[in-house]
Amino acid sequence: MYRNIKEVDAPELAQRLHAQSDDIHVIDVREMNEYTAGTMPGAKAIPMATVPVRMNELEQDKELVVICRSGARSAQVCMFLQQQGFENVFNLRGGLMSWARNGLPIELPQAV
């Protein structure tokens, strides 16, 4: 979709999260009303517009997977993070729509 953006598909991400969940951080960049309606288990809400001021919450030594509804906003955030020096950043191809289409769990997040 976007040049130089590493992507991961939903089944592969689910498998990797199961095997090494401590090493992968999932960031949901949708708006809070979208996030609170349901997200991937363990995803942290950092709406797209707040990413530049909340980068201190992201660990550069961990793998970051950025998600949104369809994969477009998250690809833009991945591009931005790469420009800021983050190297291990992946976009969820197809976003949460793809995650759900693959029968993977969506949950209501804990108190934000």
N, C-alpha and C. Protein backbone atom coordinates (compact mmCIF):
# COMPACT_ATOMS: atom_id res chain seq x y z
N MET A 1 0.84 -1.19 0.00
CA MET A 1 0.00 0.00 0.00
C MET A 1 0.88 1.25 0.00
N TYR A 2 1.75 1.38 0.97
CA TYR A 2 2.68 2.50 1.05
C TYR A 2 4.09 1.95 0.88
N ARG A 3 4.91 2.67 0.16
CA ARG A 3 6.28 2.21 -0.06
C ARG A 3 7.07 2.22 1.25
N ASN A 4 7.93 1.24 1.39
CA ASN A 4 8.85 1.14 2.51
C ASN A 4 8.18 0.90 3.86
N ILE A 5 6.91 0.57 3.86
CA ILE A 5 6.21 0.25 5.11
C ILE A 5 6.16 -1.27 5.22
N LYS A 6 6.67 -1.79 6.33
CA LYS A 6 6.59 -3.24 6.55
C LYS A 6 5.17 -3.56 7.01
N GLU A 7 4.61 -4.63 6.49
CA GLU A 7 3.26 -5.02 6.86
C GLU A 7 3.23 -6.45 7.37
N VAL A 8 2.22 -6.72 8.15
CA VAL A 8 1.97 -8.06 8.66
C VAL A 8 0.48 -8.31 8.47
N ASP A 9 0.12 -9.53 8.07
CA ASP A 9 -1.30 -9.82 7.93
C ASP A 9 -1.86 -10.37 9.24
N ALA A 10 -3.16 -10.40 9.34
CA ALA A 10 -3.81 -10.74 10.61
C ALA A 10 -3.45 -12.14 11.12
N PRO A 11 -3.53 -13.19 10.29
CA PRO A 11 -3.18 -14.52 10.82
C PRO A 11 -1.73 -14.59 11.32
N GLU A 12 -0.81 -13.98 10.57
CA GLU A 12 0.60 -14.00 10.99
C GLU A 12 0.78 -13.24 12.31
N LEU A 13 0.12 -12.08 12.44
CA LEU A 13 0.23 -11.31 13.68
C LEU A 13 -0.34 -12.10 14.85
N ALA A 14 -1.47 -12.74 14.66
CA ALA A 14 -2.07 -13.54 15.75
C ALA A 14 -1.10 -14.63 16.20
N GLN A 15 -0.47 -15.29 15.24
CA GLN A 15 0.49 -16.34 15.57
C GLN A 15 1.69 -15.77 16.31
N ARG A 16 2.20 -14.64 15.83
CA ARG A 16 3.37 -14.03 16.48
C ARG A 16 3.04 -13.52 17.87
N LEU A 17 1.85 -12.96 18.05
CA LEU A 17 1.44 -12.49 19.38
C LEU A 17 1.34 -13.66 20.36
N HIS A 18 0.86 -14.77 19.87
CA HIS A 18 0.74 -15.96 20.72
C HIS A 18 2.12 -16.45 21.14
N ALA A 19 3.08 -16.39 20.23
CA ALA A 19 4.42 -16.92 20.50
C ALA A 19 5.31 -15.96 21.27
N GLN A 20 5.17 -14.66 21.05
CA GLN A 20 6.11 -13.70 21.65
C GLN A 20 5.41 -12.40 22.03
N SER A 21 4.32 -12.47 22.73
CA SER A 21 3.51 -11.28 23.00
C SER A 21 4.26 -10.20 23.78
N ASP A 22 5.23 -10.57 24.61
CA ASP A 22 5.96 -9.57 25.39
C ASP A 22 6.86 -8.68 24.54
N ASP A 23 7.23 -9.18 23.37
CA ASP A 23 8.14 -8.44 22.50
C ASP A 23 7.43 -7.58 21.46
N ILE A 24 6.10 -7.67 21.40
CA ILE A 24 5.34 -6.95 20.39
C ILE A 24 4.34 -6.03 21.09
N HIS A 25 4.37 -4.76 20.72
CA HIS A 25 3.41 -3.79 21.26
C HIS A 25 2.47 -3.39 20.12
N VAL A 26 1.17 -3.48 20.38
CA VAL A 26 0.17 -3.12 19.39
C VAL A 26 -0.41 -1.75 19.77
N ILE A 27 -0.36 -0.83 18.81
CA ILE A 27 -0.83 0.53 19.01
C ILE A 27 -2.05 0.74 18.10
N ASP A 28 -3.18 1.10 18.69
CA ASP A 28 -4.41 1.38 17.95
C ASP A 28 -4.50 2.89 17.76
N VAL A 29 -4.42 3.36 16.52
CA VAL A 29 -4.39 4.80 16.25
C VAL A 29 -5.75 5.37 15.85
N ARG A 30 -6.80 4.61 16.03
CA ARG A 30 -8.14 5.12 15.74
C ARG A 30 -8.56 6.12 16.81
N GLU A 31 -9.62 6.85 16.54
CA GLU A 31 -10.17 7.79 17.52
C GLU A 31 -10.71 7.00 18.72
N MET A 32 -10.80 7.65 19.86
CA MET A 32 -11.20 6.96 21.10
C MET A 32 -12.58 6.32 20.99
N ASN A 33 -13.53 6.95 20.30
CA ASN A 33 -14.86 6.34 20.17
C ASN A 33 -14.79 5.05 19.37
N GLU A 34 -13.87 4.95 18.41
CA GLU A 34 -13.68 3.72 17.66
C GLU A 34 -13.02 2.66 18.54
N TYR A 35 -12.00 3.07 19.26
CA TYR A 35 -11.26 2.16 20.14
C TYR A 35 -12.17 1.55 21.20
N THR A 36 -12.99 2.38 21.84
CA THR A 36 -13.83 1.88 22.93
C THR A 36 -14.96 0.99 22.43
N ALA A 37 -15.24 1.01 21.12
CA ALA A 37 -16.25 0.12 20.56
C ALA A 37 -15.71 -1.29 20.36
N GLY A 38 -14.37 -1.45 20.43
CA GLY A 38 -13.76 -2.76 20.30
C GLY A 38 -12.42 -2.68 19.61
N THR A 39 -11.47 -3.48 20.10
CA THR A 39 -10.12 -3.47 19.55
C THR A 39 -9.50 -4.86 19.72
N MET A 40 -8.27 -4.99 19.28
CA MET A 40 -7.53 -6.25 19.49
C MET A 40 -7.18 -6.39 20.96
N PRO A 41 -7.18 -7.58 21.49
CA PRO A 41 -6.74 -7.77 22.87
C PRO A 41 -5.31 -7.23 23.05
N GLY A 42 -5.13 -6.43 24.08
CA GLY A 42 -3.82 -5.91 24.41
C GLY A 42 -3.40 -4.65 23.68
N ALA A 43 -4.22 -4.16 22.76
CA ALA A 43 -3.85 -2.95 22.01
C ALA A 43 -3.94 -1.71 22.90
N LYS A 44 -2.99 -0.81 22.70
CA LYS A 44 -2.97 0.45 23.45
C LYS A 44 -3.49 1.56 22.55
N ALA A 45 -4.38 2.39 23.07
CA ALA A 45 -4.94 3.49 22.30
C ALA A 45 -4.00 4.69 22.31
N ILE A 46 -3.56 5.06 21.12
CA ILE A 46 -2.83 6.31 20.92
C ILE A 46 -3.37 6.88 19.60
N PRO A 47 -4.45 7.68 19.68
CA PRO A 47 -5.05 8.21 18.45
C PRO A 47 -4.01 8.89 17.56
N MET A 48 -4.20 8.75 16.26
CA MET A 48 -3.24 9.24 15.27
C MET A 48 -2.77 10.66 15.54
N ALA A 49 -3.68 11.56 15.84
CA ALA A 49 -3.31 12.96 16.04
C ALA A 49 -2.42 13.17 17.26
N THR A 50 -2.42 12.21 18.19
CA THR A 50 -1.63 12.37 19.42
C THR A 50 -0.28 11.67 19.36
N VAL A 51 -0.02 10.92 18.30
CA VAL A 51 1.24 10.16 18.21
C VAL A 51 2.47 11.06 18.37
N PRO A 52 2.55 12.22 17.70
CA PRO A 52 3.77 13.03 17.85
C PRO A 52 4.06 13.45 19.29
N VAL A 53 3.04 13.69 20.10
CA VAL A 53 3.28 14.13 21.47
C VAL A 53 3.33 12.97 22.46
N ARG A 54 3.04 11.76 22.00
CA ARG A 54 3.05 10.60 22.90
C ARG A 54 4.11 9.56 22.51
N MET A 55 5.05 9.96 21.65
CA MET A 55 6.08 9.01 21.21
C MET A 55 6.91 8.49 22.37
N ASN A 56 6.99 9.25 23.46
CA ASN A 56 7.75 8.80 24.62
C ASN A 56 7.14 7.54 25.25
N GLU A 57 5.90 7.22 24.91
CA GLU A 57 5.25 6.02 25.42
C GLU A 57 5.61 4.78 24.61
N LEU A 58 6.28 4.97 23.50
CA LEU A 58 6.63 3.86 22.62
C LEU A 58 8.08 3.44 22.85
N GLU A 59 8.30 2.14 22.88
CA GLU A 59 9.64 1.61 23.11
C GLU A 59 10.29 1.26 21.78
N GLN A 60 11.39 1.93 21.47
CA GLN A 60 12.07 1.70 20.20
C GLN A 60 12.70 0.31 20.10
N ASP A 61 12.96 -0.33 21.23
CA ASP A 61 13.59 -1.65 21.18
C ASP A 61 12.56 -2.77 21.07
N LYS A 62 11.29 -2.44 21.05
CA LYS A 62 10.23 -3.44 20.88
C LYS A 62 9.68 -3.35 19.46
N GLU A 63 9.10 -4.43 19.02
CA GLU A 63 8.40 -4.40 17.74
C GLU A 63 7.06 -3.69 17.95
N LEU A 64 6.76 -2.73 17.10
CA LEU A 64 5.50 -2.00 17.18
C LEU A 64 4.64 -2.39 15.99
N VAL A 65 3.40 -2.80 16.28
CA VAL A 65 2.44 -3.05 15.23
C VAL A 65 1.36 -1.99 15.38
N VAL A 66 1.14 -1.24 14.31
CA VAL A 66 0.20 -0.13 14.34
C VAL A 66 -1.07 -0.58 13.61
N ILE A 67 -2.22 -0.34 14.26
CA ILE A 67 -3.49 -0.79 13.69
C ILE A 67 -4.48 0.38 13.62
N CYS A 68 -5.40 0.26 12.68
CA CYS A 68 -6.54 1.17 12.58
C CYS A 68 -7.69 0.35 11.98
N ARG A 69 -8.69 0.99 11.44
CA ARG A 69 -9.83 0.26 10.90
C ARG A 69 -9.46 -0.53 9.65
N SER A 70 -8.80 0.15 8.68
CA SER A 70 -8.56 -0.49 7.38
C SER A 70 -7.08 -0.63 7.01
N GLY A 71 -6.20 0.00 7.77
CA GLY A 71 -4.77 -0.06 7.47
C GLY A 71 -4.22 1.21 6.86
N ALA A 72 -5.06 2.19 6.54
CA ALA A 72 -4.59 3.42 5.90
C ALA A 72 -3.97 4.38 6.92
N ARG A 73 -4.70 4.69 7.99
CA ARG A 73 -4.16 5.60 9.01
C ARG A 73 -2.92 5.00 9.66
N SER A 74 -2.98 3.72 9.94
CA SER A 74 -1.84 3.08 10.59
C SER A 74 -0.61 3.09 9.69
N ALA A 75 -0.79 2.99 8.38
CA ALA A 75 0.36 3.07 7.46
C ALA A 75 0.99 4.45 7.53
N GLN A 76 0.16 5.48 7.62
CA GLN A 76 0.69 6.85 7.74
C GLN A 76 1.48 7.01 9.04
N VAL A 77 0.97 6.42 10.12
CA VAL A 77 1.68 6.50 11.41
C VAL A 77 2.99 5.72 11.32
N CYS A 78 2.97 4.57 10.69
CA CYS A 78 4.21 3.80 10.51
C CYS A 78 5.26 4.63 9.76
N MET A 79 4.83 5.30 8.70
CA MET A 79 5.75 6.14 7.94
C MET A 79 6.32 7.25 8.82
N PHE A 80 5.47 7.89 9.62
CA PHE A 80 5.92 8.94 10.52
C PHE A 80 6.93 8.39 11.53
N LEU A 81 6.61 7.25 12.15
CA LEU A 81 7.50 6.68 13.16
C LEU A 81 8.85 6.30 12.55
N GLN A 82 8.84 5.79 11.34
CA GLN A 82 10.11 5.48 10.68
C GLN A 82 10.93 6.74 10.47
N GLN A 83 10.27 7.82 10.12
CA GLN A 83 10.98 9.09 9.94
C GLN A 83 11.57 9.59 11.25
N GLN A 84 10.99 9.16 12.38
CA GLN A 84 11.47 9.57 13.69
C GLN A 84 12.51 8.60 14.25
N GLY A 85 12.92 7.61 13.45
CA GLY A 85 13.98 6.71 13.87
C GLY A 85 13.53 5.34 14.36
N PHE A 86 12.24 5.07 14.36
CA PHE A 86 11.75 3.74 14.74
C PHE A 86 11.98 2.81 13.56
N GLU A 87 12.63 1.69 13.82
CA GLU A 87 12.97 0.76 12.73
C GLU A 87 12.09 -0.48 12.70
N ASN A 88 11.58 -0.89 13.84
CA ASN A 88 10.85 -2.15 13.93
C ASN A 88 9.35 -1.88 14.04
N VAL A 89 8.80 -1.26 12.97
CA VAL A 89 7.41 -0.85 12.94
C VAL A 89 6.69 -1.57 11.81
N PHE A 90 5.52 -2.12 12.12
CA PHE A 90 4.74 -2.86 11.14
C PHE A 90 3.31 -2.34 11.10
N ASN A 91 2.74 -2.33 9.93
CA ASN A 91 1.34 -1.98 9.72
C ASN A 91 0.53 -3.27 9.63
N LEU A 92 -0.63 -3.31 10.29
CA LEU A 92 -1.53 -4.46 10.14
C LEU A 92 -2.27 -4.30 8.82
N ARG A 93 -1.92 -5.13 7.85
CA ARG A 93 -2.54 -5.07 6.52
C ARG A 93 -4.05 -5.31 6.64
N GLY A 94 -4.82 -4.35 6.15
CA GLY A 94 -6.28 -4.50 6.18
C GLY A 94 -6.90 -4.09 7.50
N GLY A 95 -6.07 -3.73 8.47
CA GLY A 95 -6.56 -3.23 9.75
C GLY A 95 -7.45 -4.19 10.52
N LEU A 96 -8.24 -3.62 11.41
CA LEU A 96 -9.13 -4.44 12.25
C LEU A 96 -10.20 -5.13 11.44
N MET A 97 -10.54 -4.57 10.28
CA MET A 97 -11.51 -5.27 9.42
C MET A 97 -10.95 -6.62 9.01
N SER A 98 -9.69 -6.66 8.64
CA SER A 98 -9.05 -7.92 8.27
C SER A 98 -8.94 -8.86 9.48
N TRP A 99 -8.57 -8.28 10.61
CA TRP A 99 -8.46 -9.07 11.85
C TRP A 99 -9.79 -9.77 12.13
N ALA A 100 -10.90 -9.02 12.06
CA ALA A 100 -12.22 -9.59 12.34
C ALA A 100 -12.64 -10.60 11.27
N ARG A 101 -12.35 -10.29 9.99
CA ARG A 101 -12.70 -11.21 8.89
C ARG A 101 -12.01 -12.55 9.06
N ASN A 102 -10.86 -12.57 9.70
CA ASN A 102 -10.13 -13.81 9.94
C ASN A 102 -10.59 -14.53 11.20
N GLY A 103 -11.66 -14.01 11.83
CA GLY A 103 -12.22 -14.67 13.01
C GLY A 103 -11.40 -14.49 14.26
N LEU A 104 -10.56 -13.47 14.28
CA LEU A 104 -9.70 -13.23 15.44
C LEU A 104 -10.44 -12.35 16.44
N PRO A 105 -10.07 -12.42 17.73
CA PRO A 105 -10.87 -11.77 18.77
C PRO A 105 -10.80 -10.25 18.77
N ILE A 106 -11.96 -9.67 18.99
CA ILE A 106 -12.12 -8.23 19.23
C ILE A 106 -12.69 -8.13 20.63
N GLU A 107 -12.16 -7.23 21.44
CA GLU A 107 -12.68 -7.09 22.80
C GLU A 107 -12.92 -5.64 23.14
N LEU A 108 -13.79 -5.43 24.11
CA LEU A 108 -13.98 -4.10 24.64
C LEU A 108 -12.79 -3.82 25.54
N PRO A 109 -12.14 -2.67 25.37
CA PRO A 109 -10.95 -2.39 26.17
C PRO A 109 -11.29 -2.13 27.63
N GLN A 110 -10.30 -2.31 28.49
CA GLN A 110 -10.42 -1.95 29.88
C GLN A 110 -10.54 -0.44 29.95
N ALA A 111 -10.80 0.10 31.12
CA ALA A 111 -10.89 1.55 31.29
C ALA A 111 -9.67 2.22 30.69
N VAL A 112 -9.91 3.25 29.93
CA VAL A 112 -8.83 3.93 29.20
C VAL A 112 -8.23 5.01 30.06
